[in-house]
PDB file of N, CA and C in Angstrom:
ATOM      1  N   MET A   1     -17.473  -7.639  -3.983  1.00  0.00           N
ATOM      2  CA  MET A   1     -16.102  -7.652  -3.486  1.00  0.00           C
ATOM      3  C   MET A   1     -15.427  -6.322  -3.832  1.00  0.00           C
ATOM      4  N   ALA A   2     -14.983  -5.625  -2.823  1.00  0.00           N
ATOM      5  CA  ALA A   2     -14.280  -4.359  -3.025  1.00  0.00           C
ATOM      6  C   ALA A   2     -12.774  -4.617  -3.061  1.00  0.00           C
ATOM      7  N   VAL A   3     -12.082  -3.848  -3.878  1.00  0.00           N
ATOM      8  CA  VAL A   3     -10.627  -3.967  -3.972  1.00  0.00           C
ATOM      9  C   VAL A   3     -10.018  -2.767  -3.254  1.00  0.00           C
ATOM     10  N   LYS A   4      -9.104  -3.047  -2.328  1.00  0.00           N
ATOM     11  CA  LYS A   4      -8.464  -2.007  -1.521  1.00  0.00           C
ATOM     12  C   LYS A   4      -6.966  -1.996  -1.763  1.00  0.00           C
ATOM     13  N   ILE A   5      -6.378  -0.814  -1.603  1.00  0.00           N
ATOM     14  CA  ILE A   5      -4.925  -0.683  -1.570  1.00  0.00           C
ATOM     15  C   ILE A   5      -4.586  -0.463  -0.103  1.00  0.00           C
ATOM     16  N   ARG A   6      -3.861  -1.415   0.485  1.00  0.00           N
ATOM     17  CA  ARG A   6      -3.626  -1.364   1.928  1.00  0.00           C
ATOM     18  C   ARG A   6      -2.240  -1.881   2.280  1.00  0.00           C
ATOM     19  N   LEU A   7      -1.918  -1.835   3.572  1.00  0.00           N
ATOM     20  CA  LEU A   7      -0.618  -2.284   4.058  1.00  0.00           C
ATOM     21  C   LEU A   7      -0.695  -3.739   4.504  1.00  0.00           C
ATOM     22  N   ALA A   8       0.360  -4.498   4.210  1.00  0.00           N
ATOM     23  CA  ALA A   8       0.529  -5.859   4.717  1.00  0.00           C
ATOM     24  C   ALA A   8       1.819  -5.859   5.531  1.00  0.00           C
ATOM     25  N   ARG A   9       1.746  -6.250   6.797  1.00  0.00           N
ATOM     26  CA  ARG A   9       2.899  -6.162   7.701  1.00  0.00           C
ATOM     27  C   ARG A   9       3.834  -7.338   7.499  1.00  0.00           C
ATOM     28  N   HIS A  10       5.122  -7.013   7.422  1.00  0.00           N
ATOM     29  CA  HIS A  10       6.170  -8.020   7.332  1.00  0.00           C
ATOM     30  C   HIS A  10       7.311  -7.583   8.219  1.00  0.00           C
ATOM     31  N   GLY A  11       8.377  -8.338   8.260  1.00  0.00           N
ATOM     32  CA  GLY A  11       9.510  -7.998   9.109  1.00  0.00           C
ATOM     33  C   GLY A  11       9.460  -8.773  10.408  1.00  0.00           C
ATOM     34  N   SER A  12      10.474  -8.566  11.229  1.00  0.00           N
ATOM     35  CA  SER A  12      10.563  -9.301  12.481  1.00  0.00           C
ATOM     36  C   SER A  12       9.850  -8.557  13.604  1.00  0.00           C
ATOM     37  N   LYS A  13       9.806  -9.196  14.736  1.00  0.00           N
ATOM     38  CA  LYS A  13       9.176  -8.622  15.918  1.00  0.00           C
ATOM     39  C   LYS A  13       9.841  -7.293  16.279  1.00  0.00           C
ATOM     40  N   LYS A  14       9.045  -6.275  16.506  1.00  0.00           N
ATOM     41  CA  LYS A  14       9.485  -4.919  16.867  1.00  0.00           C
ATOM     42  C   LYS A  14      10.208  -4.177  15.736  1.00  0.00           C
ATOM     43  N   ARG A  15      10.318  -4.776  14.540  1.00  0.00           N
ATOM     44  CA  ARG A  15      10.984  -4.137  13.401  1.00  0.00           C
ATOM     45  C   ARG A  15      10.150  -4.323  12.139  1.00  0.00           C
ATOM     46  N   PRO A  16       8.970  -3.715  12.114  1.00  0.00           N
ATOM     47  CA  PRO A  16       8.087  -3.955  10.980  1.00  0.00           C
ATOM     48  C   PRO A  16       8.483  -3.184   9.725  1.00  0.00           C
ATOM     49  N   PHE A  17       8.134  -3.733   8.587  1.00  0.00           N
ATOM     50  CA  PHE A  17       8.081  -2.974   7.353  1.00  0.00           C
ATOM     51  C   PHE A  17       6.821  -3.454   6.654  1.00  0.00           C
ATOM     52  N   TYR A  18       6.330  -2.661   5.753  1.00  0.00           N
ATOM     53  CA  TYR A  18       5.036  -2.942   5.152  1.00  0.00           C
ATOM     54  C   TYR A  18       5.133  -2.992   3.641  1.00  0.00           C
ATOM     55  N   ARG A  19       4.389  -3.898   3.037  1.00  0.00           N
ATOM     56  CA  ARG A  19       4.206  -3.906   1.596  1.00  0.00           C
ATOM     57  C   ARG A  19       2.891  -3.186   1.325  1.00  0.00           C
ATOM     58  N   ILE A  20       2.880  -2.349   0.322  1.00  0.00           N
ATOM     59  CA  ILE A  20       1.638  -1.707  -0.102  1.00  0.00           C
ATOM     60  C   ILE A  20       1.065  -2.609  -1.181  1.00  0.00           C
ATOM     61  N   VAL A  21      -0.081  -3.213  -0.887  1.00  0.00           N
ATOM     62  CA  VAL A  21      -0.638  -4.237  -1.766  1.00  0.00           C
ATOM     63  C   VAL A  21      -2.064  -3.895  -2.183  1.00  0.00           C
ATOM     64  N   VAL A  22      -2.468  -4.482  -3.302  1.00  0.00           N
ATOM     65  CA  VAL A  22      -3.853  -4.420  -3.768  1.00  0.00           C
ATOM     66  C   VAL A  22      -4.466  -5.756  -3.383  1.00  0.00           C
ATOM     67  N   ALA A  23      -5.555  -5.722  -2.603  1.00  0.00           N
ATOM     68  CA  ALA A  23      -6.156  -6.961  -2.113  1.00  0.00           C
ATOM     69  C   ALA A  23      -7.669  -6.818  -2.023  1.00  0.00           C
ATOM     70  N   SER A  24      -8.327  -7.944  -2.019  1.00  0.00           N
ATOM     71  CA  SER A  24      -9.767  -7.961  -1.770  1.00  0.00           C
ATOM     72  C   SER A  24     -10.006  -7.496  -0.338  1.00  0.00           C
ATOM     73  N   SER A  25     -11.083  -6.789  -0.119  1.00  0.00           N
ATOM     74  CA  SER A  25     -11.387  -6.311   1.233  1.00  0.00           C
ATOM     75  C   SER A  25     -11.694  -7.472   2.177  1.00  0.00           C
ATOM     76  N   GLU A  26     -11.972  -8.643   1.629  1.00  0.00           N
ATOM     77  CA  GLU A  26     -12.307  -9.815   2.445  1.00  0.00           C
ATOM     78  C   GLU A  26     -11.071 -10.632   2.824  1.00  0.00           C
ATOM     79  N   ALA A  27      -9.922 -10.382   2.187  1.00  0.00           N
ATOM     80  CA  ALA A  27      -8.701 -11.145   2.452  1.00  0.00           C
ATOM     81  C   ALA A  27      -8.084 -10.705   3.782  1.00  0.00           C
ATOM     82  N   PRO A  28      -7.384 -11.613   4.490  1.00  0.00           N
ATOM     83  CA  PRO A  28      -6.719 -11.234   5.736  1.00  0.00           C
ATOM     84  C   PRO A  28      -5.619 -10.199   5.490  1.00  0.00           C
ATOM     85  N   ARG A  29      -5.267  -9.446   6.523  1.00  0.00           N
ATOM     86  CA  ARG A  29      -4.299  -8.355   6.400  1.00  0.00           C
ATOM     87  C   ARG A  29      -2.988  -8.816   5.770  1.00  0.00           C
ATOM     88  N   ASP A  30      -2.432  -9.916   6.240  1.00  0.00           N
ATOM     89  CA  ASP A  30      -1.146 -10.397   5.743  1.00  0.00           C
ATOM     90  C   ASP A  30      -1.315 -11.581   4.799  1.00  0.00           C
ATOM     91  N   GLY A  31      -2.531 -11.799   4.340  1.00  0.00           N
ATOM     92  CA  GLY A  31      -2.818 -12.963   3.508  1.00  0.00           C
ATOM     93  C   GLY A  31      -2.683 -12.692   2.029  1.00  0.00           C
ATOM     94  N   ARG A  32      -3.513 -13.362   1.266  1.00  0.00           N
ATOM     95  CA  ARG A  32      -3.457 -13.309  -0.187  1.00  0.00           C
ATOM     96  C   ARG A  32      -3.721 -11.893  -0.688  1.00  0.00           C
ATOM     97  N   TYR A  33      -2.924 -11.493  -1.675  1.00  0.00           N
ATOM     98  CA  TYR A  33      -3.130 -10.201  -2.309  1.00  0.00           C
ATOM     99  C   TYR A  33      -3.030 -10.359  -3.817  1.00  0.00           C
ATOM    100  N   ILE A  34      -3.538  -9.366  -4.543  1.00  0.00           N
ATOM    101  CA  ILE A  34      -3.592  -9.409  -5.996  1.00  0.00           C
ATOM    102  C   ILE A  34      -2.286  -8.914  -6.608  1.00  0.00           C
ATOM    103  N   ASP A  35      -1.777  -7.802  -6.093  1.00  0.00           N
ATOM    104  CA  ASP A  35      -0.584  -7.183  -6.671  1.00  0.00           C
ATOM    105  C   ASP A  35       0.129  -6.363  -5.604  1.00  0.00           C
ATOM    106  N   GLN A  36       1.452  -6.259  -5.706  1.00  0.00           N
ATOM    107  CA  GLN A  36       2.233  -5.412  -4.807  1.00  0.00           C
ATOM    108  C   GLN A  36       2.606  -4.145  -5.556  1.00  0.00           C
ATOM    109  N   VAL A  37       2.265  -2.990  -4.976  1.00  0.00           N
ATOM    110  CA  VAL A  37       2.517  -1.718  -5.658  1.00  0.00           C
ATOM    111  C   VAL A  37       3.546  -0.840  -4.959  1.00  0.00           C
ATOM    112  N   GLY A  38       4.103  -1.310  -3.838  1.00  0.00           N
ATOM    113  CA  GLY A  38       5.119  -0.505  -3.179  1.00  0.00           C
ATOM    114  C   GLY A  38       5.560  -1.070  -1.848  1.00  0.00           C
ATOM    115  N   ILE A  39       6.464  -0.325  -1.201  1.00  0.00           N
ATOM    116  CA  ILE A  39       7.002  -0.688   0.111  1.00  0.00           C
ATOM    117  C   ILE A  39       7.006   0.553   0.992  1.00  0.00           C
ATOM    118  N   TYR A  40       6.669   0.366   2.270  1.00  0.00           N
ATOM    119  CA  TYR A  40       6.736   1.439   3.261  1.00  0.00           C
ATOM    120  C   TYR A  40       7.533   0.910   4.442  1.00  0.00           C
ATOM    121  N   ASP A  41       8.646   1.569   4.749  1.00  0.00           N
ATOM    122  CA  ASP A  41       9.508   1.150   5.852  1.00  0.00           C
ATOM    123  C   ASP A  41       9.655   2.302   6.840  1.00  0.00           C
ATOM    124  N   PRO A  42       8.899   2.273   7.944  1.00  0.00           N
ATOM    125  CA  PRO A  42       8.962   3.365   8.924  1.00  0.00           C
ATOM    126  C   PRO A  42      10.214   3.313   9.798  1.00  0.00           C
ATOM    127  N   GLY A  43      11.029   2.284   9.681  1.00  0.00           N
ATOM    128  CA  GLY A  43      12.222   2.132  10.515  1.00  0.00           C
ATOM    129  C   GLY A  43      13.356   3.063  10.139  1.00  0.00           C
ATOM    130  N   HIS A  44      13.317   3.618   8.959  1.00  0.00           N
ATOM    131  CA  HIS A  44      14.343   4.569   8.529  1.00  0.00           C
ATOM    132  C   HIS A  44      13.934   5.984   8.918  1.00  0.00           C
ATOM    133  N   GLU A  45      14.923   6.882   8.964  1.00  0.00           N
ATOM    134  CA  GLU A  45      14.616   8.292   9.248  1.00  0.00           C
ATOM    135  C   GLU A  45      15.125   9.125   8.091  1.00  0.00           C
ATOM    136  N   PRO A  46      14.304   9.699   7.253  1.00  0.00           N
ATOM    137  CA  PRO A  46      12.833   9.622   7.254  1.00  0.00           C
ATOM    138  C   PRO A  46      12.350   8.268   6.737  1.00  0.00           C
ATOM    139  N   ALA A  47      11.087   7.996   6.954  1.00  0.00           N
ATOM    140  CA  ALA A  47      10.509   6.719   6.535  1.00  0.00           C
ATOM    141  C   ALA A  47      10.694   6.529   5.030  1.00  0.00           C
ATOM    142  N   ARG A  48      11.056   5.313   4.639  1.00  0.00           N
ATOM    143  CA  ARG A  48      11.328   5.003   3.232  1.00  0.00           C
ATOM    144  C   ARG A  48      10.041   4.551   2.542  1.00  0.00           C
ATOM    145  N   VAL A  49       9.745   5.167   1.406  1.00  0.00           N
ATOM    146  CA  VAL A  49       8.579   4.791   0.604  1.00  0.00           C
ATOM    147  C   VAL A  49       9.049   4.552  -0.822  1.00  0.00           C
ATOM    148  N   GLU A  50       8.774   3.361  -1.339  1.00  0.00           N
ATOM    149  CA  GLU A  50       9.077   3.040  -2.726  1.00  0.00           C
ATOM    150  C   GLU A  50       7.770   2.635  -3.384  1.00  0.00           C
ATOM    151  N   LEU A  51       7.423   3.305  -4.478  1.00  0.00           N
ATOM    152  CA  LEU A  51       6.162   3.030  -5.163  1.00  0.00           C
ATOM    153  C   LEU A  51       6.406   2.633  -6.611  1.00  0.00           C
ATOM    154  N   LYS A  52       5.570   1.735  -7.100  1.00  0.00           N
ATOM    155  CA  LYS A  52       5.546   1.405  -8.527  1.00  0.00           C
ATOM    156  C   LYS A  52       4.403   2.230  -9.112  1.00  0.00           C
ATOM    157  N   ASN A  53       4.722   3.461  -9.530  1.00  0.00           N
ATOM    158  CA  ASN A  53       3.706   4.434  -9.920  1.00  0.00           C
ATOM    159  C   ASN A  53       2.824   3.964 -11.066  1.00  0.00           C
ATOM    160  N   ASP A  54       3.378   3.217 -12.024  1.00  0.00           N
ATOM    161  CA  ASP A  54       2.565   2.745 -13.146  1.00  0.00           C
ATOM    162  C   ASP A  54       1.501   1.759 -12.676  1.00  0.00           C
ATOM    163  N   LYS A  55       1.888   0.810 -11.803  1.00  0.00           N
ATOM    164  CA  LYS A  55       0.915  -0.155 -11.271  1.00  0.00           C
ATOM    165  C   LYS A  55      -0.113   0.547 -10.383  1.00  0.00           C
ATOM    166  N   LEU A  56       0.361   1.468  -9.573  1.00  0.00           N
ATOM    167  CA  LEU A  56      -0.523   2.196  -8.668  1.00  0.00           C
ATOM    168  C   LEU A  56      -1.577   2.975  -9.446  1.00  0.00           C
ATOM    169  N   ALA A  57      -1.163   3.696 -10.472  1.00  0.00           N
ATOM    170  CA  ALA A  57      -2.092   4.473 -11.292  1.00  0.00           C
ATOM    171  C   ALA A  57      -3.095   3.559 -11.989  1.00  0.00           C
ATOM    172  N   ALA A  58      -2.635   2.401 -12.452  1.00  0.00           N
ATOM    173  CA  ALA A  58      -3.533   1.470 -13.134  1.00  0.00           C
ATOM    174  C   ALA A  58      -4.615   0.953 -12.182  1.00  0.00           C
ATOM    175  N   TRP A  59      -4.230   0.603 -10.955  1.00  0.00           N
ATOM    176  CA  TRP A  59      -5.221   0.100  -9.997  1.00  0.00           C
ATOM    177  C   TRP A  59      -6.184   1.191  -9.539  1.00  0.00           C
ATOM    178  N   LEU A  60      -5.685   2.409  -9.372  1.00  0.00           N
ATOM    179  CA  LEU A  60      -6.575   3.513  -9.007  1.00  0.00           C
ATOM    180  C   LEU A  60      -7.583   3.769 -10.128  1.00  0.00           C
ATOM    181  N   ALA A  61      -7.134   3.659 -11.376  1.00  0.00           N
ATOM    182  CA  ALA A  61      -8.031   3.851 -12.524  1.00  0.00           C
ATOM    183  C   ALA A  61      -9.085   2.752 -12.598  1.00  0.00           C
ATOM    184  N   LYS A  62      -8.739   1.560 -12.118  1.00  0.00           N
ATOM    185  CA  LYS A  62      -9.688   0.435 -12.126  1.00  0.00           C
ATOM    186  C   LYS A  62     -10.684   0.513 -10.971  1.00  0.00           C
ATOM    187  N   GLY A  63     -10.478   1.464 -10.048  1.00  0.00           N
ATOM    188  CA  GLY A  63     -11.441   1.657  -8.967  1.00  0.00           C
ATOM    189  C   GLY A  63     -10.991   1.163  -7.609  1.00  0.00           C
ATOM    190  N   ALA A  64      -9.737   0.750  -7.467  1.00  0.00           N
ATOM    191  CA  ALA A  64      -9.241   0.327  -6.156  1.00  0.00           C
ATOM    192  C   ALA A  64      -9.162   1.553  -5.236  1.00  0.00           C
ATOM    193  N   ARG A  65      -9.601   1.402  -4.007  1.00  0.00           N
ATOM    194  CA  ARG A  65      -9.630   2.504  -3.056  1.00  0.00           C
ATOM    195  C   ARG A  65      -8.562   2.314  -1.997  1.00  0.00           C
ATOM    196  N   PRO A  66      -7.683   3.304  -1.791  1.00  0.00           N
ATOM    197  CA  PRO A  66      -6.679   3.185  -0.731  1.00  0.00           C
ATOM    198  C   PRO A  66      -7.308   3.374   0.646  1.00  0.00           C
ATOM    199  N   THR A  67      -6.742   2.701   1.641  1.00  0.00           N
ATOM    200  CA  THR A  67      -7.180   2.915   3.016  1.00  0.00           C
ATOM    201  C   THR A  67      -6.704   4.297   3.455  1.00  0.00           C
ATOM    202  N   GLN A  68      -7.167   4.765   4.604  1.00  0.00           N
ATOM    203  CA  GLN A  68      -6.767   6.089   5.091  1.00  0.00           C
ATOM    204  C   GLN A  68      -5.258   6.176   5.266  1.00  0.00           C
ATOM    205  N   THR A  69      -4.652   5.139   5.824  1.00  0.00           N
ATOM    206  CA  THR A  69      -3.212   5.150   6.066  1.00  0.00           C
ATOM    207  C   THR A  69      -2.441   5.197   4.758  1.00  0.00           C
ATOM    208  N   VAL A  70      -2.833   4.378   3.784  1.00  0.00           N
ATOM    209  CA  VAL A  70      -2.145   4.361   2.494  1.00  0.00           C
ATOM    210  C   VAL A  70      -2.351   5.686   1.774  1.00  0.00           C
ATOM    211  N   ALA A  71      -3.544   6.264   1.850  1.00  0.00           N
ATOM    212  CA  ALA A  71      -3.796   7.559   1.214  1.00  0.00           C
ATOM    213  C   ALA A  71      -2.875   8.625   1.805  1.00  0.00           C
ATOM    214  N   GLN A  72      -2.663   8.578   3.110  1.00  0.00           N
ATOM    215  CA  GLN A  72      -1.761   9.534   3.770  1.00  0.00           C
ATOM    216  C   GLN A  72      -0.316   9.329   3.310  1.00  0.00           C
ATOM    217  N   ILE A  73       0.120   8.079   3.194  1.00  0.00           N
ATOM    218  CA  ILE A  73       1.474   7.783   2.712  1.00  0.00           C
ATOM    219  C   ILE A  73       1.639   8.277   1.282  1.00  0.00           C
ATOM    220  N   LEU A  74       0.627   8.063   0.444  1.00  0.00           N
ATOM    221  CA  LEU A  74       0.700   8.502  -0.958  1.00  0.00           C
ATOM    222  C   LEU A  74       0.754  10.018  -1.050  1.00  0.00           C
ATOM    223  N   ARG A  75      -0.020  10.731  -0.225  1.00  0.00           N
ATOM    224  CA  ARG A  75       0.017  12.196  -0.239  1.00  0.00           C
ATOM    225  C   ARG A  75       1.403  12.697   0.169  1.00  0.00           C
ATOM    226  N   ARG A  76       2.001  12.100   1.186  1.00  0.00           N
ATOM    227  CA  ARG A  76       3.340  12.510   1.621  1.00  0.00           C
ATOM    228  C   ARG A  76       4.388  12.235   0.544  1.00  0.00           C
ATOM    229  N   ALA A  77       4.173  11.173  -0.233  1.00  0.00           N
ATOM    230  CA  ALA A  77       5.121  10.820  -1.292  1.00  0.00           C
ATOM    231  C   ALA A  77       4.888  11.653  -2.549  1.00  0.00           C
ATOM    232  N   GLY A  78       3.812  12.450  -2.568  1.00  0.00           N
ATOM    233  CA  GLY A  78       3.538  13.306  -3.705  1.00  0.00           C
ATOM    234  C   GLY A  78       2.745  12.627  -4.807  1.00  0.00           C
ATOM    235  N   THR A  79       2.146  11.482  -4.522  1.00  0.00           N
ATOM    236  CA  THR A  79       1.323  10.770  -5.494  1.00  0.00           C
ATOM    237  C   THR A  79      -0.137  11.020  -5.170  1.00  0.00           C
ATOM    238  N   PRO A  80      -0.948  11.379  -6.158  1.00  0.00           N
ATOM    239  CA  PRO A  80      -2.372  11.592  -5.870  1.00  0.00           C
ATOM    240  C   PRO A  80      -3.016  10.288  -5.424  1.00  0.00           C
ATOM    241  N   ALA A  81      -3.855  10.354  -4.398  1.00  0.00           N
ATOM    242  CA  ALA A  81      -4.463   9.151  -3.819  1.00  0.00           C
ATOM    243  C   ALA A  81      -5.734   8.722  -4.547  1.00  0.00           C
ATOM    244  N   SER A  82      -6.098   9.405  -5.600  1.00  0.00           N
ATOM    245  CA  SER A  82      -7.272   8.981  -6.365  1.00  0.00           C
ATOM    246  C   SER A  82      -7.012   9.208  -7.838  1.00  0.00           C
ATOM    247  N   ALA A  83      -7.743   8.440  -8.647  1.00  0.00           N
ATOM    248  CA  ALA A  83      -7.539   8.533 -10.105  1.00  0.00           C
ATOM    249  C   ALA A  83      -8.167   9.781 -10.672  1.00  0.00           C
TER     250      ALA A  83
END
Protein backbone atom coordinates (compact mmCIF):
# COMPACT_ATOMS: atom_id res chain seq x y z
CA MET A 1 0.00 0.00 0.00
CA ALA A 2 1.48 3.31 -1.10
CA VAL A 3 0.67 6.55 0.71
CA LYS A 4 0.02 9.58 -1.50
CA ILE A 5 -0.48 13.27 -0.86
CA ARG A 6 -3.27 14.26 -3.23
CA LEU A 7 -6.30 16.47 -3.79
CA ALA A 8 -9.83 15.61 -2.64
CA ARG A 9 -12.54 17.66 -4.38
CA HIS A 10 -15.18 19.43 -2.32
CA GLY A 11 -17.47 22.39 -2.83
CA SER A 12 -20.57 22.83 -4.94
CA LYS A 13 -21.14 22.26 -8.62
CA LYS A 14 -18.93 24.54 -10.77
CA ARG A 15 -17.28 25.98 -7.59
CA PRO A 16 -14.71 23.45 -6.46
CA PHE A 17 -12.19 23.71 -3.68
CA TYR A 18 -9.78 20.99 -2.73
CA ARG A 19 -8.41 19.53 0.47
CA ILE A 20 -4.80 18.39 0.30
CA VAL A 21 -4.92 15.02 2.01
CA VAL A 22 -2.70 12.06 2.82
CA ALA A 23 -4.44 8.88 1.64
CA SER A 24 -3.81 5.32 0.60
CA SER A 25 -3.33 5.03 -3.15
CA GLU A 26 -6.18 2.49 -3.14
CA ALA A 27 -8.75 4.84 -1.51
CA PRO A 28 -11.28 6.71 -3.72
CA ARG A 29 -10.46 10.32 -4.65
CA ASP A 30 -13.05 11.87 -2.31
CA GLY A 31 -13.18 8.94 0.10
CA ARG A 32 -11.36 7.96 3.24
CA TYR A 33 -8.10 9.72 4.00
CA ILE A 34 -5.50 9.49 6.75
CA ASP A 35 -4.78 13.16 7.42
CA GLN A 36 -5.56 16.61 6.00
CA VAL A 37 -2.47 18.74 5.41
CA GLY A 38 -3.89 21.76 3.60
CA ILE A 39 -6.45 23.49 1.40
CA TYR A 40 -6.26 24.61 -2.24
CA ASP A 41 -8.95 26.98 -3.52
CA PRO A 42 -8.53 27.91 -7.21
CA GLY A 43 -11.65 30.13 -7.10
CA HIS A 44 -9.75 33.07 -5.65
CA GLU A 45 -7.40 35.31 -7.62
CA PRO A 46 -4.65 34.37 -6.95
CA ALA A 47 -5.49 30.82 -5.94
CA ARG A 48 -5.53 30.37 -2.15
CA VAL A 49 -3.22 27.75 -0.64
CA GLU A 50 -3.13 27.01 3.08
CA LEU A 51 -0.69 24.37 4.29
CA LYS A 52 0.00 22.75 7.65
CA ASN A 53 3.77 22.69 7.12
CA ASP A 54 4.56 20.61 10.22
CA LYS A 55 2.15 17.81 9.19
CA LEU A 56 3.28 18.02 5.58
CA ALA A 57 6.97 17.71 6.49
CA ALA A 58 6.21 14.77 8.80
CA TRP A 59 4.37 12.84 6.07
CA LEU A 60 7.06 13.57 3.48
CA ALA A 61 9.66 12.26 5.95
CA LYS A 62 7.59 9.09 6.40
CA GLY A 63 7.73 8.47 2.64
CA ALA A 64 4.40 9.83 1.39
CA ARG A 65 4.70 10.87 -2.26
CA PRO A 66 2.80 13.89 -3.62
CA THR A 67 0.98 13.59 -6.93
CA GLN A 68 2.19 15.75 -9.82
CA THR A 69 -0.53 18.34 -9.20
CA VAL A 70 0.16 18.57 -5.46
CA ALA A 71 3.92 18.77 -6.09
CA GLN A 72 3.29 21.72 -8.44
CA ILE A 73 1.08 23.46 -5.84
CA LEU A 74 3.76 22.92 -3.17
CA ARG A 75 6.50 24.34 -5.42
CA ARG A 76 4.40 27.46 -6.13
CA ALA A 77 3.77 27.87 -2.39
CA GLY A 78 7.52 27.67 -1.74
CA THR A 79 7.43 24.33 0.10
CA PRO A 80 9.83 21.61 -1.04
CA ALA A 81 7.88 18.69 -2.54
CA SER A 82 10.21 16.05 -1.14
CA ALA A 83 11.81 15.32 2.20
